[in-house]
ModelCIF file with pLDDT and N, C-alpha, C, O atoms, coordinates in Angstrom:
data_MODEL
#
_entry.id   MODEL 
#
_entity.id                         1 
_entity.type                       polymer 
_entity.pdbx_number_of_molecules   1 
#
_entity_poly.entity_id                      1 
_entity_poly.type                           'polypeptide(L)' 
_entity_poly.nstd_linkage                   no 
_entity_poly.nstd_monomer                   no 
_entity_poly.pdbx_seq_one_letter_code       TSSERSRRELIEQRAYELWAAAGCAHGNDI 
_entity_poly.pdbx_seq_one_letter_code_can   TSSERSRRELIEQRAYELWAAAGCAHGNDI 
_entity_poly.pdbx_strand_id                 A 
#
loop_
_entity_poly_seq.entity_id 
_entity_poly_seq.num 
_entity_poly_seq.mon_id 
_entity_poly_seq.hetero 
1 1  THR n 
1 2  SER n 
1 3  SER n 
1 4  GLU n 
1 5  ARG n 
1 6  SER n 
1 7  ARG n 
1 8  ARG n 
1 9  GLU n 
1 10 LEU n 
1 11 ILE n 
1 12 GLU n 
1 13 GLN n 
1 14 ARG n 
1 15 ALA n 
1 16 TYR n 
1 17 GLU n 
1 18 LEU n 
1 19 TRP n 
1 20 ALA n 
1 21 ALA n 
1 22 ALA n 
1 23 GLY n 
1 24 CYS n 
1 25 ALA n 
1 26 HIS n 
1 27 GLY n 
1 28 ASN n 
1 29 ASP n 
1 30 ILE n 
#
_struct_asym.id          A 
_struct_asym.entity_id   1 
#
loop_
_ma_qa_metric.id 
_ma_qa_metric.mode 
_ma_qa_metric.name 
_ma_qa_metric.software_group_id 
_ma_qa_metric.type 
1 global pLDDT . pLDDT 
2 local  pLDDT . pLDDT 
#
_ma_qa_metric_global.metric_id      1 
_ma_qa_metric_global.metric_value   91.10 
_ma_qa_metric_global.model_id       1 
_ma_qa_metric_global.ordinal_id     1 
#
loop_
_ma_qa_metric_local.label_asym_id 
_ma_qa_metric_local.label_comp_id 
_ma_qa_metric_local.label_seq_id 
_ma_qa_metric_local.metric_id 
_ma_qa_metric_local.metric_value 
_ma_qa_metric_local.model_id 
_ma_qa_metric_local.ordinal_id 
A THR 1  2 55.00 1 1  
A SER 2  2 72.00 1 2  
A SER 3  2 86.00 1 3  
A GLU 4  2 82.00 1 4  
A ARG 5  2 84.00 1 5  
A SER 6  2 92.00 1 6  
A ARG 7  2 91.00 1 7  
A ARG 8  2 94.00 1 8  
A GLU 9  2 94.00 1 9  
A LEU 10 2 93.00 1 10 
A ILE 11 2 94.00 1 11 
A GLU 12 2 95.00 1 12 
A GLN 13 2 95.00 1 13 
A ARG 14 2 94.00 1 14 
A ALA 15 2 95.00 1 15 
A TYR 16 2 95.00 1 16 
A GLU 17 2 95.00 1 17 
A LEU 18 2 94.00 1 18 
A TRP 19 2 95.00 1 19 
A ALA 20 2 95.00 1 20 
A ALA 21 2 95.00 1 21 
A ALA 22 2 95.00 1 22 
A GLY 23 2 95.00 1 23 
A CYS 24 2 95.00 1 24 
A ALA 25 2 91.00 1 25 
A HIS 26 2 92.00 1 26 
A GLY 27 2 96.00 1 27 
A ASN 28 2 95.00 1 28 
A ASP 29 2 94.00 1 29 
A ILE 30 2 95.00 1 30 
#
loop_
_atom_site.group_PDB 
_atom_site.id 
_atom_site.type_symbol 
_atom_site.label_atom_id 
_atom_site.label_alt_id 
_atom_site.label_comp_id 
_atom_site.label_asym_id 
_atom_site.label_entity_id 
_atom_site.label_seq_id 
_atom_site.pdbx_PDB_ins_code 
_atom_site.Cartn_x 
_atom_site.Cartn_y 
_atom_site.Cartn_z 
_atom_site.occupancy 
_atom_site.B_iso_or_equiv 
_atom_site.pdbx_formal_charge 
_atom_site.auth_seq_id 
_atom_site.auth_comp_id 
_atom_site.auth_asym_id 
_atom_site.auth_atom_id 
_atom_site.pdbx_PDB_model_num 
ATOM 1   N N  . THR A 1 1  ? -6.342 11.732  -0.928  1.00 55.00 ? 1  THR A N  1 
ATOM 2   C CA . THR A 1 1  ? -6.492 12.791  -1.617  1.00 55.00 ? 1  THR A CA 1 
ATOM 3   C C  . THR A 1 1  ? -7.142 13.011  -2.921  1.00 55.00 ? 1  THR A C  1 
ATOM 4   O O  . THR A 1 1  ? -7.156 12.027  -3.661  1.00 55.00 ? 1  THR A O  1 
ATOM 5   N N  . SER A 1 2  ? -7.567 13.859  -3.264  1.00 72.00 ? 2  SER A N  1 
ATOM 6   C CA . SER A 1 2  ? -7.851 14.218  -4.625  1.00 72.00 ? 2  SER A CA 1 
ATOM 7   C C  . SER A 1 2  ? -6.660 14.034  -5.545  1.00 72.00 ? 2  SER A C  1 
ATOM 8   O O  . SER A 1 2  ? -6.857 13.219  -6.446  1.00 72.00 ? 2  SER A O  1 
ATOM 9   N N  . SER A 1 3  ? -5.322 14.682  -5.515  1.00 86.00 ? 3  SER A N  1 
ATOM 10  C CA . SER A 1 3  ? -4.645 14.168  -6.292  1.00 86.00 ? 3  SER A CA 1 
ATOM 11  C C  . SER A 1 3  ? -4.097 13.232  -6.218  1.00 86.00 ? 3  SER A C  1 
ATOM 12  O O  . SER A 1 3  ? -3.856 12.745  -7.323  1.00 86.00 ? 3  SER A O  1 
ATOM 13  N N  . GLU A 1 4  ? -3.733 12.665  -5.370  1.00 82.00 ? 4  GLU A N  1 
ATOM 14  C CA . GLU A 1 4  ? -3.701 11.297  -5.096  1.00 82.00 ? 4  GLU A CA 1 
ATOM 15  C C  . GLU A 1 4  ? -4.611 10.285  -5.927  1.00 82.00 ? 4  GLU A C  1 
ATOM 16  O O  . GLU A 1 4  ? -4.240 9.213   -6.405  1.00 82.00 ? 4  GLU A O  1 
ATOM 17  N N  . ARG A 1 5  ? -5.851 10.839  -5.997  1.00 84.00 ? 5  ARG A N  1 
ATOM 18  C CA . ARG A 1 5  ? -6.865 9.973   -6.984  1.00 84.00 ? 5  ARG A CA 1 
ATOM 19  C C  . ARG A 1 5  ? -6.790 10.168  -8.303  1.00 84.00 ? 5  ARG A C  1 
ATOM 20  O O  . ARG A 1 5  ? -7.099 9.250   -9.063  1.00 84.00 ? 5  ARG A O  1 
ATOM 21  N N  . SER A 1 6  ? -6.396 11.312  -8.751  1.00 92.00 ? 6  SER A N  1 
ATOM 22  C CA . SER A 1 6  ? -5.928 11.797  -10.293 1.00 92.00 ? 6  SER A CA 1 
ATOM 23  C C  . SER A 1 6  ? -4.691 11.299  -10.530 1.00 92.00 ? 6  SER A C  1 
ATOM 24  O O  . SER A 1 6  ? -4.344 11.301  -11.711 1.00 92.00 ? 6  SER A O  1 
ATOM 25  N N  . ARG A 1 7  ? -3.943 10.879  -9.740  1.00 91.00 ? 7  ARG A N  1 
ATOM 26  C CA . ARG A 1 7  ? -2.646 10.432  -10.018 1.00 91.00 ? 7  ARG A CA 1 
ATOM 27  C C  . ARG A 1 7  ? -3.225 9.099   -10.489 1.00 91.00 ? 7  ARG A C  1 
ATOM 28  O O  . ARG A 1 7  ? -3.243 8.946   -11.710 1.00 91.00 ? 7  ARG A O  1 
ATOM 29  N N  . ARG A 1 8  ? -3.736 8.037   -9.678  1.00 94.00 ? 8  ARG A N  1 
ATOM 30  C CA . ARG A 1 8  ? -4.155 6.754   -9.841  1.00 94.00 ? 8  ARG A CA 1 
ATOM 31  C C  . ARG A 1 8  ? -5.112 6.628   -11.200 1.00 94.00 ? 8  ARG A C  1 
ATOM 32  O O  . ARG A 1 8  ? -4.928 5.766   -12.060 1.00 94.00 ? 8  ARG A O  1 
ATOM 33  N N  . GLU A 1 9  ? -6.260 7.723   -11.252 1.00 94.00 ? 9  GLU A N  1 
ATOM 34  C CA . GLU A 1 9  ? -6.695 7.520   -12.601 1.00 94.00 ? 9  GLU A CA 1 
ATOM 35  C C  . GLU A 1 9  ? -5.901 7.644   -13.823 1.00 94.00 ? 9  GLU A C  1 
ATOM 36  O O  . GLU A 1 9  ? -6.343 7.182   -14.875 1.00 94.00 ? 9  GLU A O  1 
ATOM 37  N N  . LEU A 1 10 ? -4.397 8.417   -13.757 1.00 93.00 ? 10 LEU A N  1 
ATOM 38  C CA . LEU A 1 10 ? -3.889 8.682   -15.103 1.00 93.00 ? 10 LEU A CA 1 
ATOM 39  C C  . LEU A 1 10 ? -3.153 7.501   -15.295 1.00 93.00 ? 10 LEU A C  1 
ATOM 40  O O  . LEU A 1 10 ? -2.869 7.126   -16.433 1.00 93.00 ? 10 LEU A O  1 
ATOM 41  N N  . ILE A 1 11 ? -2.663 6.589   -13.827 1.00 94.00 ? 11 ILE A N  1 
ATOM 42  C CA . ILE A 1 11 ? -1.781 5.352   -14.436 1.00 94.00 ? 11 ILE A CA 1 
ATOM 43  C C  . ILE A 1 11 ? -2.874 4.467   -14.662 1.00 94.00 ? 11 ILE A C  1 
ATOM 44  O O  . ILE A 1 11 ? -2.746 3.792   -15.683 1.00 94.00 ? 11 ILE A O  1 
ATOM 45  N N  . GLU A 1 12 ? -3.901 4.279   -14.011 1.00 95.00 ? 12 GLU A N  1 
ATOM 46  C CA . GLU A 1 12 ? -4.830 3.433   -15.023 1.00 95.00 ? 12 GLU A CA 1 
ATOM 47  C C  . GLU A 1 12 ? -5.350 3.536   -16.128 1.00 95.00 ? 12 GLU A C  1 
ATOM 48  O O  . GLU A 1 12 ? -5.758 2.524   -16.697 1.00 95.00 ? 12 GLU A O  1 
ATOM 49  N N  . GLN A 1 13 ? -5.472 4.893   -16.750 1.00 95.00 ? 13 GLN A N  1 
ATOM 50  C CA . GLN A 1 13 ? -5.661 5.103   -18.527 1.00 95.00 ? 13 GLN A CA 1 
ATOM 51  C C  . GLN A 1 13 ? -4.336 4.930   -18.801 1.00 95.00 ? 13 GLN A C  1 
ATOM 52  O O  . GLN A 1 13 ? -4.265 4.121   -19.726 1.00 95.00 ? 13 GLN A O  1 
ATOM 53  N N  . ARG A 1 14 ? -3.403 5.235   -18.506 1.00 94.00 ? 14 ARG A N  1 
ATOM 54  C CA . ARG A 1 14 ? -2.043 4.975   -19.398 1.00 94.00 ? 14 ARG A CA 1 
ATOM 55  C C  . ARG A 1 14 ? -1.946 3.150   -19.490 1.00 94.00 ? 14 ARG A C  1 
ATOM 56  O O  . ARG A 1 14 ? -1.743 2.548   -20.544 1.00 94.00 ? 14 ARG A O  1 
ATOM 57  N N  . ALA A 1 15 ? -2.167 2.403   -17.967 1.00 95.00 ? 15 ALA A N  1 
ATOM 58  C CA . ALA A 1 15 ? -1.779 1.001   -18.221 1.00 95.00 ? 15 ALA A CA 1 
ATOM 59  C C  . ALA A 1 15 ? -2.916 0.739   -19.297 1.00 95.00 ? 15 ALA A C  1 
ATOM 60  O O  . ALA A 1 15 ? -2.561 0.150   -20.319 1.00 95.00 ? 15 ALA A O  1 
ATOM 61  N N  . TYR A 1 16 ? -4.178 1.095   -19.180 1.00 95.00 ? 16 TYR A N  1 
ATOM 62  C CA . TYR A 1 16 ? -4.922 0.411   -20.268 1.00 95.00 ? 16 TYR A CA 1 
ATOM 63  C C  . TYR A 1 16 ? -4.650 0.678   -21.764 1.00 95.00 ? 16 TYR A C  1 
ATOM 64  O O  . TYR A 1 16 ? -4.684 0.003   -22.793 1.00 95.00 ? 16 TYR A O  1 
ATOM 65  N N  . GLU A 1 17 ? -4.367 1.950   -21.440 1.00 95.00 ? 17 GLU A N  1 
ATOM 66  C CA . GLU A 1 17 ? -3.664 2.261   -23.234 1.00 95.00 ? 17 GLU A CA 1 
ATOM 67  C C  . GLU A 1 17 ? -2.418 1.340   -23.596 1.00 95.00 ? 17 GLU A C  1 
ATOM 68  O O  . GLU A 1 17 ? -2.165 1.105   -24.777 1.00 95.00 ? 17 GLU A O  1 
ATOM 69  N N  . LEU A 1 18 ? -1.704 0.861   -22.645 1.00 94.00 ? 18 LEU A N  1 
ATOM 70  C CA . LEU A 1 18 ? -0.328 0.387   -23.117 1.00 94.00 ? 18 LEU A CA 1 
ATOM 71  C C  . LEU A 1 18 ? -1.036 -1.489  -23.196 1.00 94.00 ? 18 LEU A C  1 
ATOM 72  O O  . LEU A 1 18 ? -0.675 -2.322  -24.027 1.00 94.00 ? 18 LEU A O  1 
ATOM 73  N N  . TRP A 1 19 ? -1.825 -1.661  -22.352 1.00 95.00 ? 19 TRP A N  1 
ATOM 74  C CA . TRP A 1 19 ? -2.476 -3.128  -22.779 1.00 95.00 ? 19 TRP A CA 1 
ATOM 75  C C  . TRP A 1 19 ? -3.253 -3.137  -24.129 1.00 95.00 ? 19 TRP A C  1 
ATOM 76  O O  . TRP A 1 19 ? -3.256 -4.125  -24.863 1.00 95.00 ? 19 TRP A O  1 
ATOM 77  N N  . ALA A 1 20 ? -3.875 -2.045  -24.397 1.00 95.00 ? 20 ALA A N  1 
ATOM 78  C CA . ALA A 1 20 ? -4.716 -2.176  -25.791 1.00 95.00 ? 20 ALA A CA 1 
ATOM 79  C C  . ALA A 1 20 ? -3.572 -2.042  -27.029 1.00 95.00 ? 20 ALA A C  1 
ATOM 80  O O  . ALA A 1 20 ? -3.748 -2.620  -28.102 1.00 95.00 ? 20 ALA A O  1 
ATOM 81  N N  . ALA A 1 21 ? -2.590 -1.361  -26.805 1.00 95.00 ? 21 ALA A N  1 
ATOM 82  C CA . ALA A 1 21 ? -1.552 -1.162  -27.837 1.00 95.00 ? 21 ALA A CA 1 
ATOM 83  C C  . ALA A 1 21 ? -0.587 -2.549  -27.946 1.00 95.00 ? 21 ALA A C  1 
ATOM 84  O O  . ALA A 1 21 ? 0.164  -2.903  -28.855 1.00 95.00 ? 21 ALA A O  1 
ATOM 85  N N  . ALA A 1 22 ? -0.870 -3.108  -26.820 1.00 95.00 ? 22 ALA A N  1 
ATOM 86  C CA . ALA A 1 22 ? 0.023  -4.513  -27.139 1.00 95.00 ? 22 ALA A CA 1 
ATOM 87  C C  . ALA A 1 22 ? -0.983 -5.874  -27.391 1.00 95.00 ? 22 ALA A C  1 
ATOM 88  O O  . ALA A 1 22 ? -0.850 -7.047  -27.041 1.00 95.00 ? 22 ALA A O  1 
ATOM 89  N N  . GLY A 1 23 ? -2.138 -5.109  -28.225 1.00 95.00 ? 23 GLY A N  1 
ATOM 90  C CA . GLY A 1 23 ? -3.052 -6.181  -28.589 1.00 95.00 ? 23 GLY A CA 1 
ATOM 91  C C  . GLY A 1 23 ? -3.994 -6.760  -27.400 1.00 95.00 ? 23 GLY A C  1 
ATOM 92  O O  . GLY A 1 23 ? -4.626 -7.770  -27.711 1.00 95.00 ? 23 GLY A O  1 
ATOM 93  N N  . CYS A 1 24 ? -4.140 -6.369  -26.360 1.00 95.00 ? 24 CYS A N  1 
ATOM 94  C CA . CYS A 1 24 ? -5.339 -6.866  -25.421 1.00 95.00 ? 24 CYS A CA 1 
ATOM 95  C C  . CYS A 1 24 ? -4.872 -8.345  -24.644 1.00 95.00 ? 24 CYS A C  1 
ATOM 96  O O  . CYS A 1 24 ? -5.680 -9.083  -24.080 1.00 95.00 ? 24 CYS A O  1 
ATOM 97  N N  . ALA A 1 25 ? -3.248 -8.633  -24.754 1.00 91.00 ? 25 ALA A N  1 
ATOM 98  C CA . ALA A 1 25 ? -3.121 -9.643  -24.293 1.00 91.00 ? 25 ALA A CA 1 
ATOM 99  C C  . ALA A 1 25 ? -2.806 -9.920  -22.864 1.00 91.00 ? 25 ALA A C  1 
ATOM 100 O O  . ALA A 1 25 ? -1.870 -9.373  -22.282 1.00 91.00 ? 25 ALA A O  1 
ATOM 101 N N  . HIS A 1 26 ? -3.495 -10.658 -22.393 1.00 92.00 ? 26 HIS A N  1 
ATOM 102 C CA . HIS A 1 26 ? -3.272 -11.053 -20.956 1.00 92.00 ? 26 HIS A CA 1 
ATOM 103 C C  . HIS A 1 26 ? -2.010 -11.682 -20.174 1.00 92.00 ? 26 HIS A C  1 
ATOM 104 O O  . HIS A 1 26 ? -1.477 -12.669 -20.681 1.00 92.00 ? 26 HIS A O  1 
ATOM 105 N N  . GLY A 1 27 ? -1.667 -11.330 -19.353 1.00 96.00 ? 27 GLY A N  1 
ATOM 106 C CA . GLY A 1 27 ? -0.398 -11.608 -18.596 1.00 96.00 ? 27 GLY A CA 1 
ATOM 107 C C  . GLY A 1 27 ? 0.718  -10.866 -18.370 1.00 96.00 ? 27 GLY A C  1 
ATOM 108 O O  . GLY A 1 27 ? 1.777  -11.245 -17.869 1.00 96.00 ? 27 GLY A O  1 
ATOM 109 N N  . ASN A 1 28 ? 0.336  -9.479  -18.881 1.00 95.00 ? 28 ASN A N  1 
ATOM 110 C CA . ASN A 1 28 ? 1.525  -8.536  -18.382 1.00 95.00 ? 28 ASN A CA 1 
ATOM 111 C C  . ASN A 1 28 ? 0.857  -7.168  -17.798 1.00 95.00 ? 28 ASN A C  1 
ATOM 112 O O  . ASN A 1 28 ? 1.165  -6.003  -18.049 1.00 95.00 ? 28 ASN A O  1 
ATOM 113 N N  . ASP A 1 29 ? -0.097 -7.653  -16.989 1.00 94.00 ? 29 ASP A N  1 
ATOM 114 C CA . ASP A 1 29 ? -0.808 -6.157  -16.076 1.00 94.00 ? 29 ASP A CA 1 
ATOM 115 C C  . ASP A 1 29 ? 0.295  -5.467  -15.555 1.00 94.00 ? 29 ASP A C  1 
ATOM 116 O O  . ASP A 1 29 ? 0.619  -4.312  -15.828 1.00 94.00 ? 29 ASP A O  1 
ATOM 117 N N  . ILE A 1 30 ? 0.954  -6.385  -14.646 1.00 95.00 ? 30 ILE A N  1 
ATOM 118 C CA . ILE A 1 30 ? 2.047  -5.667  -13.773 1.00 95.00 ? 30 ILE A CA 1 
ATOM 119 C C  . ILE A 1 30 ? 2.873  -4.755  -14.455 1.00 95.00 ? 30 ILE A C  1 
ATOM 120 O O  . ILE A 1 30 ? 3.755  -4.149  -13.848 1.00 95.00 ? 30 ILE A O  1 
#
């Protein structure tokens, strides 16, 4: 559903922000 898609998009965006804040280091994606 669109609400599930928007939730997933929010999670993707926040996970990206966390990754960037951590210096773009690989290995902590999960």
